[in-house]
Amino acid sequence: MEVIKVSGTSRTSAVAGAIAGVFREHQRAEVQAIGAGAVNQAVKALILARSYLAEDGYHVVFVPRFTDVEIDDKVRTAIKFVVMACEESAAESEAAPEAPQET
């Protein structure tokens, strides 16, 4: 499985579609970003991909990690988001809380 690499100029919808496609095929996806702009685009794409996958009945979570990558003989720190399925009960707990009852 290839890591989806995101830059600060990546189109959010294109990245979201790639994330959803990889997840549907492998039940897991990895998204990597270096720099604030790239991480911003990645997070927006992850949120959009989550909605795409929810329409298909998948409930997913994203786990962020630091990872070192070598670019032009230099080691850089990237953020890697691992996308994986979550349990149904965990997904339900993310629903909006009920309003308190008046007594």
Protein backbone atom coordinates (compact mmCIF):
# COMPACT_ATOMS: atom_id res chain seq x y z
CA MET A 1 0.00 0.00 0.00
CA GLU A 2 1.37 3.39 -1.02
CA VAL A 3 1.53 6.32 1.39
CA ILE A 4 -0.59 9.25 0.18
CA LYS A 5 1.68 12.30 0.19
CA VAL A 6 0.08 15.71 0.65
CA SER A 7 1.60 19.11 -0.11
CA GLY A 8 0.43 22.58 0.80
CA THR A 9 -0.99 22.97 -2.71
CA SER A 10 -2.80 19.61 -2.88
CA ARG A 11 -6.48 19.76 -3.81
CA THR A 12 -8.44 18.70 -0.75
CA SER A 13 -11.15 16.87 -2.67
CA ALA A 14 -8.61 14.93 -4.76
CA VAL A 15 -6.71 13.83 -1.66
CA ALA A 16 -9.97 12.90 0.09
CA GLY A 17 -10.98 10.75 -2.87
CA ALA A 18 -7.59 9.02 -2.84
CA ILE A 19 -7.85 8.35 0.91
CA ALA A 20 -11.35 6.92 0.54
CA GLY A 21 -10.31 4.77 -2.43
CA VAL A 22 -7.27 3.32 -0.68
CA PHE A 23 -9.29 2.68 2.47
CA ARG A 24 -12.05 0.88 0.55
CA GLU A 25 -9.43 -1.37 -1.06
CA HIS A 26 -7.18 -2.07 1.93
CA GLN A 27 -9.32 -1.17 5.00
CA ARG A 28 -6.45 1.16 5.95
CA ALA A 29 -4.69 4.20 4.49
CA GLU A 30 -1.64 6.30 5.39
CA VAL A 31 -1.40 10.02 4.69
CA GLN A 32 1.90 11.90 5.04
CA ALA A 33 2.50 15.65 5.20
CA ILE A 34 5.53 17.86 5.84
CA GLY A 35 4.99 21.46 6.90
CA ALA A 36 2.07 23.45 8.26
CA GLY A 37 0.36 24.02 4.90
CA ALA A 38 0.56 20.36 3.97
CA VAL A 39 -0.73 19.23 7.37
CA ASN A 40 -3.64 21.69 7.03
CA GLN A 41 -4.58 20.28 3.62
CA ALA A 42 -4.21 16.73 4.92
CA VAL A 43 -6.51 17.34 7.89
CA LYS A 44 -9.18 18.92 5.67
CA ALA A 45 -8.90 15.97 3.26
CA LEU A 46 -9.18 13.48 6.13
CA ILE A 47 -12.37 15.14 7.35
CA LEU A 48 -13.84 15.07 3.86
CA ALA A 49 -12.77 11.44 3.32
CA ARG A 50 -14.44 10.51 6.60
CA SER A 51 -17.74 11.85 5.28
CA TYR A 52 -17.28 9.99 1.96
CA LEU A 53 -16.64 6.75 3.81
CA ALA A 54 -19.51 7.30 6.25
CA GLU A 55 -21.89 7.43 3.28
CA ASP A 56 -20.69 3.89 2.45
CA GLY A 57 -21.17 2.69 6.03
CA TYR A 58 -17.53 2.87 7.12
CA HIS A 59 -16.62 4.48 10.43
CA VAL A 60 -12.99 5.55 10.52
CA VAL A 61 -10.53 7.20 12.88
CA PHE A 62 -7.21 8.92 12.21
CA VAL A 63 -4.14 8.34 14.35
CA PRO A 64 -1.37 10.96 13.95
CA ARG A 65 2.28 9.97 14.27
CA PHE A 66 5.65 11.57 13.71
CA THR A 67 7.86 9.89 11.15
CA ASP A 68 11.27 10.71 9.71
CA VAL A 69 11.66 10.84 5.93
CA GLU A 70 14.75 11.43 3.85
CA ILE A 71 14.51 14.09 1.14
CA ASP A 72 17.58 15.15 -0.83
CA ASP A 73 19.88 13.46 1.69
CA LYS A 74 18.28 15.37 4.59
CA VAL A 75 16.10 13.85 7.27
CA ARG A 76 12.83 15.72 7.78
CA THR A 77 10.08 15.10 10.29
CA ALA A 78 6.68 14.44 8.76
CA ILE A 79 3.25 13.89 10.23
CA LYS A 80 1.70 10.59 9.19
CA PHE A 81 -2.00 9.98 9.71
CA VAL A 82 -3.05 6.34 9.82
CA VAL A 83 -6.67 5.87 8.76
CA MET A 84 -8.36 2.77 10.15
CA ALA A 85 -11.79 1.41 10.91
CA CYS A 86 -13.22 1.92 14.37
CA GLU A 87 -15.75 -0.08 16.32
CA GLU A 88 -19.41 0.82 15.82
CA SER A 89 -19.84 1.71 19.50
CA ALA A 90 -16.88 4.12 19.33
CA ALA A 91 -18.36 5.83 16.27
CA GLU A 92 -21.71 6.22 18.01
CA SER A 93 -20.05 7.88 21.00
CA GLU A 94 -18.98 10.74 18.73
CA ALA A 95 -22.60 11.74 18.16
CA ALA A 96 -23.74 15.00 19.68
CA PRO A 97 -24.66 14.61 23.36
CA GLU A 98 -28.31 14.83 24.28
CA ALA A 99 -29.57 18.06 25.81
CA PRO A 100 -30.02 17.86 29.58
CA GLN A 101 -33.58 17.22 30.73
CA GLU A 102 -35.27 19.87 32.84
CA THR A 103 -36.62 18.64 36.16
